[in-house]
Amino acid sequence: MRSRYAAFVAQDTAYLLRTWSAGTRPAELTLDRGMRWTGLDVLGSTGGSAFHTEGTVEFTAHYRVGGADGEQHENSRFVREDGLWVYVDAIQ
């Protein structure tokens, strides 16, 4: 999760797409160049150890865009594909 947040900060779309599950990955990804990510709070997680094949991470990511502060709160689902952890989707 932290590496994906860092990729959003750096606007590294190639990394974001590589770490997205093949089953839910978009064909392309365009990020808002005016958005500045300002912090990440990891609120909790489940699974995710070397013995698990899936897990979740609940987080709040803080940003600033157009002079206004905002935040994105999400509980993300991750799975292990080919030995690597990848993002699947947000749990509703």
N, C-alpha and C. Protein backbone atom coordinates (compact mmCIF):
# COMPACT_ATOMS: atom_id res chain seq x y z
N MET A 1 0.82 -1.19 0.00
CA MET A 1 0.00 0.00 0.00
C MET A 1 0.87 1.25 0.00
N ARG A 2 1.87 1.27 0.86
CA ARG A 2 2.72 2.46 0.93
C ARG A 2 3.46 2.71 -0.37
N SER A 3 3.89 1.64 -1.03
CA SER A 3 4.60 1.83 -2.30
C SER A 3 3.66 2.37 -3.37
N ARG A 4 2.39 1.96 -3.35
CA ARG A 4 1.44 2.50 -4.32
C ARG A 4 1.14 3.96 -4.02
N TYR A 5 1.05 4.32 -2.74
CA TYR A 5 0.85 5.73 -2.38
C TYR A 5 2.04 6.55 -2.91
N ALA A 6 3.26 6.06 -2.69
CA ALA A 6 4.45 6.77 -3.17
C ALA A 6 4.41 6.90 -4.69
N ALA A 7 3.88 5.90 -5.38
CA ALA A 7 3.77 5.98 -6.84
C ALA A 7 2.75 7.04 -7.26
N PHE A 8 1.66 7.18 -6.48
CA PHE A 8 0.72 8.27 -6.77
C PHE A 8 1.41 9.62 -6.57
N VAL A 9 2.19 9.76 -5.50
CA VAL A 9 2.91 11.01 -5.24
C VAL A 9 3.85 11.33 -6.41
N ALA A 10 4.56 10.32 -6.90
CA ALA A 10 5.53 10.49 -7.98
C ALA A 10 4.88 10.46 -9.37
N GLN A 11 3.58 10.20 -9.42
CA GLN A 11 2.84 10.07 -10.68
C GLN A 11 3.45 8.99 -11.57
N ASP A 12 3.80 7.87 -10.94
CA ASP A 12 4.41 6.73 -11.62
C ASP A 12 3.31 5.76 -12.06
N THR A 13 2.67 6.07 -13.18
CA THR A 13 1.55 5.24 -13.64
C THR A 13 2.00 3.83 -14.03
N ALA A 14 3.21 3.69 -14.53
CA ALA A 14 3.70 2.36 -14.90
C ALA A 14 3.74 1.44 -13.68
N TYR A 15 4.24 1.96 -12.55
CA TYR A 15 4.28 1.15 -11.32
C TYR A 15 2.87 0.83 -10.85
N LEU A 16 1.99 1.82 -10.88
CA LEU A 16 0.60 1.60 -10.43
C LEU A 16 -0.06 0.51 -11.26
N LEU A 17 0.13 0.53 -12.56
CA LEU A 17 -0.47 -0.50 -13.41
C LEU A 17 0.17 -1.86 -13.17
N ARG A 18 1.48 -1.91 -12.94
CA ARG A 18 2.16 -3.18 -12.67
C ARG A 18 1.69 -3.81 -11.37
N THR A 19 1.30 -2.99 -10.41
CA THR A 19 0.91 -3.50 -9.10
C THR A 19 -0.62 -3.56 -8.95
N TRP A 20 -1.32 -3.64 -10.06
CA TRP A 20 -2.78 -3.73 -10.11
C TRP A 20 -3.12 -5.12 -10.63
N SER A 21 -4.06 -5.79 -10.04
CA SER A 21 -4.46 -7.14 -10.45
C SER A 21 -4.85 -7.17 -11.92
N ALA A 22 -4.41 -8.20 -12.62
CA ALA A 22 -4.72 -8.35 -14.04
C ALA A 22 -6.22 -8.36 -14.28
N GLY A 23 -7.00 -8.85 -13.34
CA GLY A 23 -8.44 -8.95 -13.51
C GLY A 23 -9.20 -7.64 -13.38
N THR A 24 -8.59 -6.64 -12.75
CA THR A 24 -9.29 -5.36 -12.55
C THR A 24 -8.50 -4.16 -13.06
N ARG A 25 -7.31 -4.39 -13.60
CA ARG A 25 -6.44 -3.31 -14.07
C ARG A 25 -7.05 -2.60 -15.27
N PRO A 26 -7.07 -1.26 -15.24
CA PRO A 26 -7.54 -0.53 -16.43
C PRO A 26 -6.50 -0.60 -17.55
N ALA A 27 -6.93 -0.36 -18.76
CA ALA A 27 -6.01 -0.38 -19.90
C ALA A 27 -5.00 0.75 -19.82
N GLU A 28 -5.42 1.88 -19.26
CA GLU A 28 -4.51 3.02 -19.08
C GLU A 28 -4.94 3.77 -17.84
N LEU A 29 -4.06 4.62 -17.36
CA LEU A 29 -4.31 5.37 -16.14
C LEU A 29 -3.79 6.78 -16.34
N THR A 30 -4.66 7.76 -16.13
CA THR A 30 -4.29 9.16 -16.22
C THR A 30 -4.48 9.79 -14.85
N LEU A 31 -3.43 10.41 -14.33
CA LEU A 31 -3.50 11.04 -13.01
C LEU A 31 -3.64 12.54 -13.16
N ASP A 32 -4.27 13.16 -12.18
CA ASP A 32 -4.46 14.61 -12.15
C ASP A 32 -3.14 15.27 -11.77
N ARG A 33 -2.51 15.94 -12.70
CA ARG A 33 -1.21 16.58 -12.44
C ARG A 33 -1.31 17.72 -11.44
N GLY A 34 -2.52 18.24 -11.21
CA GLY A 34 -2.71 19.32 -10.25
C GLY A 34 -2.93 18.84 -8.83
N MET A 35 -3.03 17.52 -8.65
CA MET A 35 -3.25 16.97 -7.31
C MET A 35 -1.91 16.71 -6.63
N ARG A 36 -1.76 17.22 -5.40
CA ARG A 36 -0.55 16.99 -4.62
C ARG A 36 -0.92 16.17 -3.39
N TRP A 37 -0.40 14.96 -3.32
CA TRP A 37 -0.66 14.08 -2.18
C TRP A 37 0.18 14.56 -1.00
N THR A 38 -0.45 14.68 0.17
CA THR A 38 0.22 15.31 1.31
C THR A 38 0.38 14.40 2.52
N GLY A 39 -0.16 13.19 2.49
CA GLY A 39 0.03 12.29 3.62
C GLY A 39 -0.80 11.04 3.51
N LEU A 40 -0.37 10.02 4.22
CA LEU A 40 -1.05 8.72 4.23
C LEU A 40 -1.17 8.24 5.66
N ASP A 41 -2.37 7.88 6.05
CA ASP A 41 -2.62 7.24 7.35
C ASP A 41 -3.14 5.85 7.09
N VAL A 42 -2.39 4.83 7.49
CA VAL A 42 -2.86 3.46 7.40
C VAL A 42 -3.62 3.18 8.69
N LEU A 43 -4.90 2.86 8.55
CA LEU A 43 -5.78 2.71 9.71
C LEU A 43 -5.89 1.27 10.19
N GLY A 44 -5.61 0.32 9.33
CA GLY A 44 -5.69 -1.08 9.73
C GLY A 44 -5.45 -1.99 8.54
N SER A 45 -5.23 -3.25 8.84
CA SER A 45 -5.02 -4.23 7.77
C SER A 45 -5.41 -5.61 8.26
N THR A 46 -5.69 -6.48 7.29
CA THR A 46 -5.94 -7.89 7.57
C THR A 46 -5.11 -8.70 6.60
N GLY A 47 -4.71 -9.89 7.00
CA GLY A 47 -3.93 -10.75 6.12
C GLY A 47 -2.63 -10.06 5.73
N GLY A 48 -2.11 -10.48 4.61
CA GLY A 48 -0.95 -9.81 4.06
C GLY A 48 0.41 -10.36 4.47
N SER A 49 0.44 -11.40 5.29
CA SER A 49 1.74 -11.96 5.68
C SER A 49 2.23 -12.92 4.61
N ALA A 50 3.38 -13.50 4.83
CA ALA A 50 3.94 -14.47 3.89
C ALA A 50 3.06 -15.71 3.78
N PHE A 51 2.18 -15.92 4.75
CA PHE A 51 1.32 -17.11 4.76
C PHE A 51 -0.05 -16.86 4.14
N HIS A 52 -0.34 -15.63 3.78
CA HIS A 52 -1.65 -15.27 3.23
C HIS A 52 -1.58 -15.10 1.71
N THR A 53 -2.73 -15.23 1.07
CA THR A 53 -2.84 -14.97 -0.36
C THR A 53 -3.72 -13.77 -0.64
N GLU A 54 -4.34 -13.22 0.40
CA GLU A 54 -5.13 -12.01 0.23
C GLU A 54 -5.10 -11.20 1.52
N GLY A 55 -5.44 -9.95 1.39
CA GLY A 55 -5.45 -9.08 2.55
C GLY A 55 -6.14 -7.77 2.21
N THR A 56 -6.34 -6.96 3.24
CA THR A 56 -6.95 -5.65 3.05
C THR A 56 -6.12 -4.59 3.77
N VAL A 57 -6.22 -3.37 3.29
CA VAL A 57 -5.59 -2.22 3.95
C VAL A 57 -6.61 -1.09 3.95
N GLU A 58 -6.94 -0.61 5.15
CA GLU A 58 -7.80 0.56 5.27
C GLU A 58 -6.91 1.77 5.48
N PHE A 59 -7.16 2.82 4.71
CA PHE A 59 -6.29 4.00 4.77
C PHE A 59 -7.07 5.27 4.49
N THR A 60 -6.46 6.37 4.86
CA THR A 60 -6.91 7.69 4.43
C THR A 60 -5.69 8.37 3.81
N ALA A 61 -5.84 8.78 2.55
CA ALA A 61 -4.78 9.52 1.85
C ALA A 61 -5.23 10.96 1.74
N HIS A 62 -4.34 11.87 2.09
CA HIS A 62 -4.65 13.30 2.09
C HIS A 62 -4.03 13.96 0.87
N TYR A 63 -4.75 14.93 0.30
CA TYR A 63 -4.25 15.62 -0.89
C TYR A 63 -4.70 17.07 -0.89
N ARG A 64 -4.09 17.81 -1.80
CA ARG A 64 -4.46 19.21 -2.02
C ARG A 64 -4.60 19.39 -3.54
N VAL A 65 -5.72 19.98 -3.94
CA VAL A 65 -5.96 20.23 -5.36
C VAL A 65 -6.77 21.52 -5.48
N GLY A 66 -6.37 22.37 -6.40
CA GLY A 66 -7.09 23.63 -6.60
C GLY A 66 -7.19 24.49 -5.36
N GLY A 67 -6.18 24.43 -4.50
CA GLY A 67 -6.18 25.23 -3.29
C GLY A 67 -7.01 24.66 -2.15
N ALA A 68 -7.62 23.50 -2.34
CA ALA A 68 -8.45 22.90 -1.30
C ALA A 68 -7.88 21.56 -0.86
N ASP A 69 -7.97 21.31 0.45
CA ASP A 69 -7.55 20.02 0.99
C ASP A 69 -8.67 19.00 0.85
N GLY A 70 -8.28 17.75 0.65
CA GLY A 70 -9.25 16.66 0.55
C GLY A 70 -8.63 15.39 1.08
N GLU A 71 -9.43 14.35 1.11
CA GLU A 71 -8.92 13.05 1.53
C GLU A 71 -9.68 11.95 0.83
N GLN A 72 -9.00 10.84 0.67
CA GLN A 72 -9.61 9.64 0.12
C GLN A 72 -9.52 8.57 1.17
N HIS A 73 -10.67 8.07 1.61
CA HIS A 73 -10.71 6.98 2.58
C HIS A 73 -11.13 5.73 1.83
N GLU A 74 -10.38 4.64 2.03
CA GLU A 74 -10.67 3.41 1.28
C GLU A 74 -10.23 2.21 2.09
N ASN A 75 -10.94 1.12 1.89
CA ASN A 75 -10.51 -0.19 2.38
C ASN A 75 -10.20 -0.99 1.12
N SER A 76 -8.92 -1.18 0.84
CA SER A 76 -8.47 -1.79 -0.40
C SER A 76 -8.23 -3.28 -0.22
N ARG A 77 -8.54 -4.03 -1.27
CA ARG A 77 -8.31 -5.47 -1.27
C ARG A 77 -7.08 -5.77 -2.13
N PHE A 78 -6.20 -6.59 -1.60
CA PHE A 78 -4.98 -7.01 -2.29
C PHE A 78 -4.95 -8.53 -2.35
N VAL A 79 -4.35 -9.07 -3.41
CA VAL A 79 -4.14 -10.50 -3.54
C VAL A 79 -2.71 -10.73 -4.03
N ARG A 80 -2.27 -11.95 -3.85
CA ARG A 80 -0.94 -12.33 -4.33
C ARG A 80 -1.09 -12.96 -5.72
N GLU A 81 -0.44 -12.37 -6.71
CA GLU A 81 -0.41 -12.91 -8.07
C GLU A 81 1.04 -13.12 -8.47
N ASP A 82 1.35 -14.33 -8.88
CA ASP A 82 2.72 -14.67 -9.27
C ASP A 82 3.72 -14.30 -8.18
N GLY A 83 3.30 -14.47 -6.92
CA GLY A 83 4.18 -14.20 -5.78
C GLY A 83 4.25 -12.76 -5.35
N LEU A 84 3.57 -11.85 -6.05
CA LEU A 84 3.62 -10.42 -5.72
C LEU A 84 2.26 -9.93 -5.26
N TRP A 85 2.26 -9.01 -4.29
CA TRP A 85 1.02 -8.40 -3.84
C TRP A 85 0.57 -7.36 -4.84
N VAL A 86 -0.71 -7.43 -5.25
CA VAL A 86 -1.28 -6.48 -6.20
C VAL A 86 -2.62 -5.99 -5.69
N TYR A 87 -2.95 -4.75 -6.05
CA TYR A 87 -4.22 -4.13 -5.71
C TYR A 87 -5.33 -4.74 -6.56
N VAL A 88 -6.47 -5.05 -5.94
CA VAL A 88 -7.62 -5.57 -6.68
C VAL A 88 -8.67 -4.50 -6.84
N ASP A 89 -9.20 -4.02 -5.71
CA ASP A 89 -10.27 -3.03 -5.76
C ASP A 89 -10.56 -2.50 -4.36
N ALA A 90 -11.49 -1.56 -4.31
CA ALA A 90 -11.94 -1.02 -3.04
C ALA A 90 -13.12 -1.86 -2.57
N ILE A 91 -13.13 -2.19 -1.30
CA ILE A 91 -14.25 -2.93 -0.72
C ILE A 91 -15.36 -1.94 -0.43
N GLN A 92 -16.54 -2.26 -0.89
CA GLN A 92 -17.69 -1.36 -0.69
C GLN A 92 -18.31 -1.56 0.67
